[in-house]
Amino acid sequence: MAAYDLEEQEKIDDLKAWWNQYGNTISVGIILACVVIGGVQGWRWWAGRRAAEAAVLYQAVSDGARKSDPAKAKDAMTTLADKFGGTAYAPRGALLYAKLLFDAGDKNGAKAQLAWVIDHADEDELRAIARYRLAGVRLDEKQYDEALKTLDAKRPASFNGLYADLRGDALSAAGRAADARVAYQEALATLDPKSQYRSYVQVKLDAVGGAAPATPATTAATPSAPAQAASSAPAAPPATVAKP
């Protein structure tokens, strides 16, 4: 029994020595793990609450746009941009608000909102839509060079056809028929051959004395989603230009 007690005591002494050597490190590790887990859970809660608040403001902007109420949309959009500018709701709200302002005749306000989206949106598609609409506003104001510069920006390939088409509109309005023909031909070559949108481009190409490419590209990205998004652009095309 004495030998057994001695063996147990040795084990206890070894455990005490091990704990004296590594106990602090283990305790710190456990505390850090708890802090990390708590931090992750807290961040998820904060992010969820932030997204919920941003969604409410976005809905208010949407309601204001639907009811043609710039004042209501302005209050919600101001808070959305100031407090929740990093969320996905803010640039989408700004796009809605920009169209509302344009329809109300406030082109400068619309351009400011679109510029905000270009500067703050994290998604390439949203920035591409904002540039397309901003170029449309500048075209409506007969700022042809500025519109063309706006369309020169890098964008997802799925927008190439739309951008080329609007470039053709700007060039045509500026009296540069030869350059407009090239732009419209590029648009036709890029757009999906089965897209009905191509017929609008073809009409404009015919109007400047051009002809469609002999063999439209069959592998070009279908612009249906960008076209749908851009069709509500705040910039109304010139009277001679069909809308997407």
C-alpha atoms as a PDB file:
ATOM      1  CA  MET A   1       0.000   0.000   0.000  1.00  0.00           C
ATOM      2  CA  ALA A   2       2.922   2.348   0.844  1.00  0.00           C
ATOM      3  CA  ALA A   3       4.426   1.685  -2.606  1.00  0.00           C
ATOM      4  CA  TYR A   4       1.090   2.464  -4.205  1.00  0.00           C
ATOM      5  CA  ASP A   5       0.787   5.725  -2.265  1.00  0.00           C
ATOM      6  CA  LEU A   6       4.336   6.682  -3.232  1.00  0.00           C
ATOM      7  CA  GLU A   7       3.601   6.010  -6.909  1.00  0.00           C
ATOM      8  CA  GLU A   8       0.433   8.119  -6.768  1.00  0.00           C
ATOM      9  CA  GLN A   9       2.335  10.912  -5.042  1.00  0.00           C
ATOM     10  CA  GLU A  10       4.968  10.855  -7.757  1.00  0.00           C
ATOM     11  CA  LYS A  11       2.264  11.200 -10.409  1.00  0.00           C
ATOM     12  CA  ILE A  12       0.699  14.085  -8.550  1.00  0.00           C
ATOM     13  CA  ASP A  13       4.092  15.773  -8.207  1.00  0.00           C
ATOM     14  CA  ASP A  14       4.752  15.298 -11.923  1.00  0.00           C
ATOM     15  CA  LEU A  15       1.355  16.787 -12.755  1.00  0.00           C
ATOM     16  CA  LYS A  16       2.038  19.766 -10.491  1.00  0.00           C
ATOM     17  CA  ALA A  17       5.424  20.310 -12.116  1.00  0.00           C
ATOM     18  CA  TRP A  18       3.899  20.087 -15.595  1.00  0.00           C
ATOM     19  CA  TRP A  19       1.170  22.553 -14.663  1.00  0.00           C
ATOM     20  CA  ASN A  20       3.703  24.953 -13.145  1.00  0.00           C
ATOM     21  CA  GLN A  21       5.592  24.887 -16.425  1.00  0.00           C
ATOM     22  CA  TYR A  22       2.690  25.032 -18.907  1.00  0.00           C
ATOM     23  CA  GLY A  23      -0.321  26.108 -16.862  1.00  0.00           C
ATOM     24  CA  ASN A  24      -0.073  29.813 -17.671  1.00  0.00           C
ATOM     25  CA  THR A  25       0.278  29.123 -21.384  1.00  0.00           C
ATOM     26  CA  ILE A  26      -2.731  26.835 -21.391  1.00  0.00           C
ATOM     27  CA  SER A  27      -4.806  29.325 -19.403  1.00  0.00           C
ATOM     28  CA  VAL A  28      -3.916  32.119 -21.804  1.00  0.00           C
ATOM     29  CA  GLY A  29      -4.791  29.859 -24.746  1.00  0.00           C
ATOM     30  CA  ILE A  30      -8.174  29.019 -23.284  1.00  0.00           C
ATOM     31  CA  ILE A  31      -8.912  32.677 -22.570  1.00  0.00           C
ATOM     32  CA  LEU A  32      -7.897  33.673 -26.104  1.00  0.00           C
ATOM     33  CA  ALA A  33     -10.078  30.949 -27.585  1.00  0.00           C
ATOM     34  CA  CYS A  34     -13.045  32.184 -25.563  1.00  0.00           C
ATOM     35  CA  VAL A  35     -12.357  35.759 -26.653  1.00  0.00           C
ATOM     36  CA  VAL A  36     -12.148  34.725 -30.315  1.00  0.00           C
ATOM     37  CA  ILE A  37     -15.344  32.693 -30.148  1.00  0.00           C
ATOM     38  CA  GLY A  38     -17.129  35.487 -28.341  1.00  0.00           C
ATOM     39  CA  GLY A  39     -15.788  38.009 -30.841  1.00  0.00           C
ATOM     40  CA  VAL A  40     -16.975  35.987 -33.813  1.00  0.00           C
ATOM     41  CA  GLN A  41     -20.422  35.566 -32.311  1.00  0.00           C
ATOM     42  CA  GLY A  42     -20.553  39.243 -31.430  1.00  0.00           C
ATOM     43  CA  TRP A  43     -19.479  40.267 -34.919  1.00  0.00           C
ATOM     44  CA  ARG A  44     -22.147  38.049 -36.461  1.00  0.00           C
ATOM     45  CA  TRP A  45     -24.772  39.605 -34.235  1.00  0.00           C
ATOM     46  CA  TRP A  46     -23.555  43.117 -35.051  1.00  0.00           C
ATOM     47  CA  ALA A  47     -23.379  42.405 -38.798  1.00  0.00           C
ATOM     48  CA  GLY A  48     -26.857  40.891 -38.768  1.00  0.00           C
ATOM     49  CA  ARG A  49     -28.329  43.848 -36.916  1.00  0.00           C
ATOM     50  CA  ARG A  50     -26.507  46.283 -39.215  1.00  0.00           C
ATOM     51  CA  ALA A  51     -27.822  44.513 -42.318  1.00  0.00           C
ATOM     52  CA  ALA A  52     -31.352  44.529 -40.916  1.00  0.00           C
ATOM     53  CA  GLU A  53     -31.223  48.276 -40.256  1.00  0.00           C
ATOM     54  CA  ALA A  54     -29.778  48.913 -43.720  1.00  0.00           C
ATOM     55  CA  ALA A  55     -32.544  46.807 -45.280  1.00  0.00           C
ATOM     56  CA  VAL A  56     -35.194  48.945 -43.585  1.00  0.00           C
ATOM     57  CA  LEU A  57     -33.615  52.129 -44.950  1.00  0.00           C
ATOM     58  CA  TYR A  58     -33.291  50.617 -48.414  1.00  0.00           C
ATOM     59  CA  GLN A  59     -36.981  49.741 -48.331  1.00  0.00           C
ATOM     60  CA  ALA A  60     -37.757  53.350 -47.410  1.00  0.00           C
ATOM     61  CA  VAL A  61     -35.734  54.565 -50.408  1.00  0.00           C
ATOM     62  CA  SER A  62     -37.553  52.054 -52.597  1.00  0.00           C
ATOM     63  CA  ASP A  63     -40.921  53.214 -51.298  1.00  0.00           C
ATOM     64  CA  GLY A  64     -39.984  56.819 -51.949  1.00  0.00           C
ATOM     65  CA  ALA A  65     -38.936  55.974 -55.492  1.00  0.00           C
ATOM     66  CA  ARG A  66     -42.112  54.007 -56.131  1.00  0.00           C
ATOM     67  CA  LYS A  67     -44.278  56.848 -54.827  1.00  0.00           C
ATOM     68  CA  SER A  68     -42.182  59.525 -56.566  1.00  0.00           C
ATOM     69  CA  ASP A  69     -41.433  61.079 -53.172  1.00  0.00           C
ATOM     70  CA  PRO A  70     -37.871  62.531 -53.319  1.00  0.00           C
ATOM     71  CA  ALA A  71     -38.083  63.942 -49.784  1.00  0.00           C
ATOM     72  CA  LYS A  72     -38.809  60.576 -48.200  1.00  0.00           C
ATOM     73  CA  ALA A  73     -36.156  58.863 -50.286  1.00  0.00           C
ATOM     74  CA  LYS A  74     -33.598  61.568 -49.483  1.00  0.00           C
ATOM     75  CA  ASP A  75     -33.866  61.172 -45.712  1.00  0.00           C
ATOM     76  CA  ALA A  76     -33.532  57.405 -45.910  1.00  0.00           C
ATOM     77  CA  MET A  77     -30.721  57.534 -48.475  1.00  0.00           C
ATOM     78  CA  THR A  78     -28.716  60.059 -46.463  1.00  0.00           C
ATOM     79  CA  THR A  79     -28.772  57.808 -43.412  1.00  0.00           C
ATOM     80  CA  LEU A  80     -28.127  54.722 -45.514  1.00  0.00           C
ATOM     81  CA  ALA A  81     -25.035  56.264 -47.111  1.00  0.00           C
ATOM     82  CA  ASP A  82     -23.682  57.790 -43.903  1.00  0.00           C
ATOM     83  CA  LYS A  83     -24.154  54.863 -41.532  1.00  0.00           C
ATOM     84  CA  PHE A  84     -24.328  51.847 -43.816  1.00  0.00           C
ATOM     85  CA  GLY A  85     -22.253  52.840 -46.825  1.00  0.00           C
ATOM     86  CA  GLY A  86     -20.283  49.609 -46.684  1.00  0.00           C
ATOM     87  CA  THR A  87     -23.339  47.374 -47.006  1.00  0.00           C
ATOM     88  CA  ALA A  88     -24.768  46.004 -50.238  1.00  0.00           C
ATOM     89  CA  TYR A  89     -27.956  48.011 -49.676  1.00  0.00           C
ATOM     90  CA  ALA A  90     -26.382  51.465 -49.923  1.00  0.00           C
ATOM     91  CA  PRO A  91     -25.277  51.426 -53.592  1.00  0.00           C
ATOM     92  CA  ARG A  92     -28.540  49.793 -54.637  1.00  0.00           C
ATOM     93  CA  GLY A  93     -30.464  52.469 -52.803  1.00  0.00           C
ATOM     94  CA  ALA A  94     -28.343  55.144 -54.473  1.00  0.00           C
ATOM     95  CA  LEU A  95     -29.192  53.735 -57.903  1.00  0.00           C
ATOM     96  CA  LEU A  96     -32.905  53.963 -57.114  1.00  0.00           C
ATOM     97  CA  TYR A  97     -32.547  57.442 -55.696  1.00  0.00           C
ATOM     98  CA  ALA A  98     -30.545  58.584 -58.729  1.00  0.00           C
ATOM     99  CA  LYS A  99     -33.328  57.540 -61.080  1.00  0.00           C
ATOM    100  CA  LEU A 100     -35.905  59.266 -58.898  1.00  0.00           C
ATOM    101  CA  LEU A 101     -33.878  62.490 -58.964  1.00  0.00           C
ATOM    102  CA  PHE A 102     -33.412  62.297 -62.720  1.00  0.00           C
ATOM    103  CA  ASP A 103     -37.121  61.774 -63.284  1.00  0.00           C
ATOM    104  CA  ALA A 104     -37.759  64.789 -61.038  1.00  0.00           C
ATOM    105  CA  GLY A 105     -35.454  66.914 -63.198  1.00  0.00           C
ATOM    106  CA  ASP A 106     -32.524  67.020 -60.771  1.00  0.00           C
ATOM    107  CA  LYS A 107     -29.770  65.801 -63.085  1.00  0.00           C
ATOM    108  CA  ASN A 108     -26.954  67.085 -60.889  1.00  0.00           C
ATOM    109  CA  GLY A 109     -28.345  65.194 -57.935  1.00  0.00           C
ATOM    110  CA  ALA A 110     -28.666  62.052 -60.042  1.00  0.00           C
ATOM    111  CA  LYS A 111     -25.066  62.357 -61.202  1.00  0.00           C
ATOM    112  CA  ALA A 112     -23.883  62.784 -57.614  1.00  0.00           C
ATOM    113  CA  GLN A 113     -25.645  59.579 -56.532  1.00  0.00           C
ATOM    114  CA  LEU A 114     -24.247  57.618 -59.477  1.00  0.00           C
ATOM    115  CA  ALA A 115     -20.749  58.919 -58.772  1.00  0.00           C
ATOM    116  CA  TRP A 116     -21.181  57.785 -55.163  1.00  0.00           C
ATOM    117  CA  VAL A 117     -22.017  54.268 -56.329  1.00  0.00           C
ATOM    118  CA  ILE A 118     -18.950  54.203 -58.579  1.00  0.00           C
ATOM    119  CA  ASP A 119     -16.733  55.261 -55.666  1.00  0.00           C
ATOM    120  CA  HIS A 120     -18.254  53.094 -52.930  1.00  0.00           C
ATOM    121  CA  ALA A 121     -19.825  49.946 -54.393  1.00  0.00           C
ATOM    122  CA  ASP A 122     -17.885  46.724 -53.868  1.00  0.00           C
ATOM    123  CA  GLU A 123     -19.546  44.895 -56.762  1.00  0.00           C
ATOM    124  CA  ASP A 124     -18.205  45.379 -60.283  1.00  0.00           C
ATOM    125  CA  GLU A 125     -21.680  44.955 -61.761  1.00  0.00           C
ATOM    126  CA  LEU A 126     -23.129  47.806 -59.688  1.00  0.00           C
ATOM    127  CA  ARG A 127     -20.283  50.104 -60.657  1.00  0.00           C
ATOM    128  CA  ALA A 128     -20.786  49.178 -64.310  1.00  0.00           C
ATOM    129  CA  ILE A 129     -24.508  49.967 -64.087  1.00  0.00           C
ATOM    130  CA  ALA A 130     -23.766  53.300 -62.399  1.00  0.00           C
ATOM    131  CA  ARG A 131     -21.270  54.250 -65.117  1.00  0.00           C
ATOM    132  CA  TYR A 132     -23.706  53.271 -67.845  1.00  0.00           C
ATOM    133  CA  ARG A 133     -26.422  55.438 -66.307  1.00  0.00           C
ATOM    134  CA  LEU A 134     -24.028  58.315 -65.624  1.00  0.00           C
ATOM    135  CA  ALA A 135     -22.934  58.250 -69.260  1.00  0.00           C
ATOM    136  CA  GLY A 136     -26.613  58.302 -70.209  1.00  0.00           C
ATOM    137  CA  VAL A 137     -27.226  61.406 -68.093  1.00  0.00           C
ATOM    138  CA  ARG A 138     -24.250  63.155 -69.680  1.00  0.00           C
ATOM    139  CA  LEU A 139     -25.481  62.159 -73.108  1.00  0.00           C
ATOM    140  CA  ASP A 140     -28.873  63.632 -72.267  1.00  0.00           C
ATOM    141  CA  GLU A 141     -27.083  66.857 -71.294  1.00  0.00           C
ATOM    142  CA  LYS A 142     -25.204  66.758 -74.623  1.00  0.00           C
ATOM    143  CA  GLN A 143     -21.891  66.296 -72.815  1.00  0.00           C
ATOM    144  CA  TYR A 144     -20.726  63.848 -75.436  1.00  0.00           C
ATOM    145  CA  ASP A 145     -17.024  63.807 -74.596  1.00  0.00           C
ATOM    146  CA  GLU A 146     -17.767  63.279 -70.903  1.00  0.00           C
ATOM    147  CA  ALA A 147     -20.169  60.474 -71.742  1.00  0.00           C
ATOM    148  CA  LEU A 148     -17.532  58.762 -73.883  1.00  0.00           C
ATOM    149  CA  LYS A 149     -14.918  59.106 -71.132  1.00  0.00           C
ATOM    150  CA  THR A 150     -17.305  57.518 -68.661  1.00  0.00           C
ATOM    151  CA  LEU A 151     -17.825  54.563 -70.999  1.00  0.00           C
ATOM    152  CA  ASP A 152     -14.066  54.022 -71.317  1.00  0.00           C
ATOM    153  CA  ALA A 153     -13.874  52.576 -67.797  1.00  0.00           C
ATOM    154  CA  LYS A 154     -13.159  48.916 -67.205  1.00  0.00           C
ATOM    155  CA  ARG A 155     -16.283  46.786 -66.699  1.00  0.00           C
ATOM    156  CA  PRO A 156     -17.404  43.150 -66.719  1.00  0.00           C
ATOM    157  CA  ALA A 157     -17.412  41.655 -70.218  1.00  0.00           C
ATOM    158  CA  SER A 158     -21.160  41.087 -70.045  1.00  0.00           C
ATOM    159  CA  PHE A 159     -21.624  44.859 -70.318  1.00  0.00           C
ATOM    160  CA  ASN A 160     -19.523  45.297 -73.461  1.00  0.00           C
ATOM    161  CA  GLY A 161     -22.487  45.219 -75.832  1.00  0.00           C
ATOM    162  CA  LEU A 162     -24.473  47.786 -73.838  1.00  0.00           C
ATOM    163  CA  TYR A 163     -21.484  50.073 -73.493  1.00  0.00           C
ATOM    164  CA  ALA A 164     -20.709  49.867 -77.209  1.00  0.00           C
ATOM    165  CA  ASP A 165     -24.333  50.658 -78.035  1.00  0.00           C
ATOM    166  CA  LEU A 166     -24.405  53.726 -75.780  1.00  0.00           C
ATOM    167  CA  ARG A 167     -21.047  54.786 -77.186  1.00  0.00           C
ATOM    168  CA  GLY A 168     -22.629  54.646 -80.609  1.00  0.00           C
ATOM    169  CA  ASP A 169     -25.468  56.858 -79.350  1.00  0.00           C
ATOM    170  CA  ALA A 170     -23.007  59.456 -78.044  1.00  0.00           C
ATOM    171  CA  LEU A 171     -20.940  59.402 -81.229  1.00  0.00           C
ATOM    172  CA  SER A 172     -24.029  59.643 -83.414  1.00  0.00           C
ATOM    173  CA  ALA A 173     -25.382  62.572 -81.394  1.00  0.00           C
ATOM    174  CA  ALA A 174     -21.990  64.263 -81.695  1.00  0.00           C
ATOM    175  CA  GLY A 175     -22.171  63.983 -85.483  1.00  0.00           C
ATOM    176  CA  ARG A 176     -19.471  61.313 -85.751  1.00  0.00           C
ATOM    177  CA  ALA A 177     -21.423  58.878 -87.909  1.00  0.00           C
ATOM    178  CA  ALA A 178     -18.431  56.813 -89.022  1.00  0.00           C
ATOM    179  CA  ASP A 179     -17.313  56.193 -85.435  1.00  0.00           C
ATOM    180  CA  ALA A 180     -20.901  55.490 -84.425  1.00  0.00           C
ATOM    181  CA  ARG A 181     -21.145  52.778 -87.090  1.00  0.00           C
ATOM    182  CA  VAL A 182     -18.074  51.074 -85.653  1.00  0.00           C
ATOM    183  CA  ALA A 183     -19.531  51.213 -82.140  1.00  0.00           C
ATOM    184  CA  TYR A 184     -22.903  49.812 -83.217  1.00  0.00           C
ATOM    185  CA  GLN A 185     -21.198  47.040 -85.185  1.00  0.00           C
ATOM    186  CA  GLU A 186     -19.157  46.195 -82.099  1.00  0.00           C
ATOM    187  CA  ALA A 187     -22.350  46.069 -80.057  1.00  0.00           C
ATOM    188  CA  LEU A 188     -24.004  43.715 -82.554  1.00  0.00           C
ATOM    189  CA  ALA A 189     -20.942  41.495 -82.624  1.00  0.00           C
ATOM    190  CA  THR A 190     -20.930  41.282 -78.827  1.00  0.00           C
ATOM    191  CA  LEU A 191     -24.612  40.895 -78.040  1.00  0.00           C
ATOM    192  CA  ASP A 192     -26.280  37.492 -77.986  1.00  0.00           C
ATOM    193  CA  PRO A 193     -27.509  36.733 -81.538  1.00  0.00           C
ATOM    194  CA  LYS A 194     -30.849  35.610 -80.067  1.00  0.00           C
ATOM    195  CA  SER A 195     -31.361  38.783 -78.039  1.00  0.00           C
ATOM    196  CA  GLN A 196     -34.237  41.017 -79.132  1.00  0.00           C
ATOM    197  CA  TYR A 197     -32.159  43.965 -78.015  1.00  0.00           C
ATOM    198  CA  ARG A 198     -30.028  43.517 -81.137  1.00  0.00           C
ATOM    199  CA  SER A 199     -32.920  44.737 -83.287  1.00  0.00           C
ATOM    200  CA  TYR A 200     -32.790  48.152 -81.591  1.00  0.00           C
ATOM    201  CA  VAL A 201     -29.085  48.407 -82.258  1.00  0.00           C
ATOM    202  CA  GLN A 202     -29.598  47.338 -85.871  1.00  0.00           C
ATOM    203  CA  VAL A 203     -32.131  50.142 -86.408  1.00  0.00           C
ATOM    204  CA  LYS A 204     -29.627  52.696 -85.120  1.00  0.00           C
ATOM    205  CA  LEU A 205     -26.841  51.204 -87.224  1.00  0.00           C
ATOM    206  CA  ASP A 206     -29.020  51.432 -90.315  1.00  0.00           C
ATOM    207  CA  ALA A 207     -29.783  55.059 -89.455  1.00  0.00           C
ATOM    208  CA  VAL A 208     -26.095  55.978 -89.650  1.00  0.00           C
ATOM    209  CA  GLY A 209     -25.638  54.075 -92.895  1.00  0.00           C
ATOM    210  CA  GLY A 210     -23.977  50.975 -91.541  1.00  0.00           C
ATOM    211  CA  ALA A 211     -24.413  47.232 -91.879  1.00  0.00           C
ATOM    212  CA  ALA A 212     -24.411  44.472 -89.328  1.00  0.00           C
ATOM    213  CA  PRO A 213     -21.341  42.225 -89.003  1.00  0.00           C
ATOM    214  CA  ALA A 214     -21.495  39.250 -91.328  1.00  0.00           C
ATOM    215  CA  THR A 215     -21.105  36.713 -88.520  1.00  0.00           C
ATOM    216  CA  PRO A 216     -22.112  37.841 -85.018  1.00  0.00           C
ATOM    217  CA  ALA A 217     -20.113  36.237 -82.241  1.00  0.00           C
ATOM    218  CA  THR A 218     -21.924  33.212 -80.858  1.00  0.00           C
ATOM    219  CA  THR A 219     -19.854  32.957 -77.711  1.00  0.00           C
ATOM    220  CA  ALA A 220     -20.478  36.440 -76.439  1.00  0.00           C
ATOM    221  CA  ALA A 221     -21.928  36.756 -72.962  1.00  0.00           C
ATOM    222  CA  THR A 222     -25.700  37.154 -72.906  1.00  0.00           C
ATOM    223  CA  PRO A 223     -26.451  40.690 -71.750  1.00  0.00           C
ATOM    224  CA  SER A 224     -29.910  39.959 -70.469  1.00  0.00           C
ATOM    225  CA  ALA A 225     -29.133  40.735 -66.807  1.00  0.00           C
ATOM    226  CA  PRO A 226     -27.104  43.906 -67.484  1.00  0.00           C
ATOM    227  CA  ALA A 227     -29.669  45.015 -70.054  1.00  0.00           C
ATOM    228  CA  GLN A 228     -32.492  44.610 -67.565  1.00  0.00           C
ATOM    229  CA  ALA A 229     -30.539  46.491 -64.919  1.00  0.00           C
ATOM    230  CA  ALA A 230     -29.570  49.270 -67.293  1.00  0.00           C
ATOM    231  CA  SER A 231     -33.033  49.631 -68.793  1.00  0.00           C
ATOM    232  CA  SER A 232     -34.129  51.619 -65.748  1.00  0.00           C
ATOM    233  CA  ALA A 233     -31.234  54.030 -66.141  1.00  0.00           C
ATOM    234  CA  PRO A 234     -32.027  57.560 -65.022  1.00  0.00           C
ATOM    235  CA  ALA A 235     -30.722  58.895 -68.310  1.00  0.00           C
ATOM    236  CA  ALA A 236     -33.395  58.954 -71.017  1.00  0.00           C
ATOM    237  CA  PRO A 237     -31.741  58.316 -74.410  1.00  0.00           C
ATOM    238  CA  PRO A 238     -32.131  60.882 -77.178  1.00  0.00           C
ATOM    239  CA  ALA A 239     -35.431  60.808 -79.018  1.00  0.00           C
ATOM    240  CA  THR A 240     -33.894  58.965 -81.925  1.00  0.00           C
ATOM    241  CA  VAL A 241     -32.439  56.251 -79.727  1.00  0.00           C
ATOM    242  CA  ALA A 242     -34.518  53.250 -78.671  1.00  0.00           C
ATOM    243  CA  LYS A 243     -34.247  52.275 -75.018  1.00  0.00           C
ATOM    244  CA  PRO A 244     -32.965  48.794 -74.066  1.00  0.00           C
END
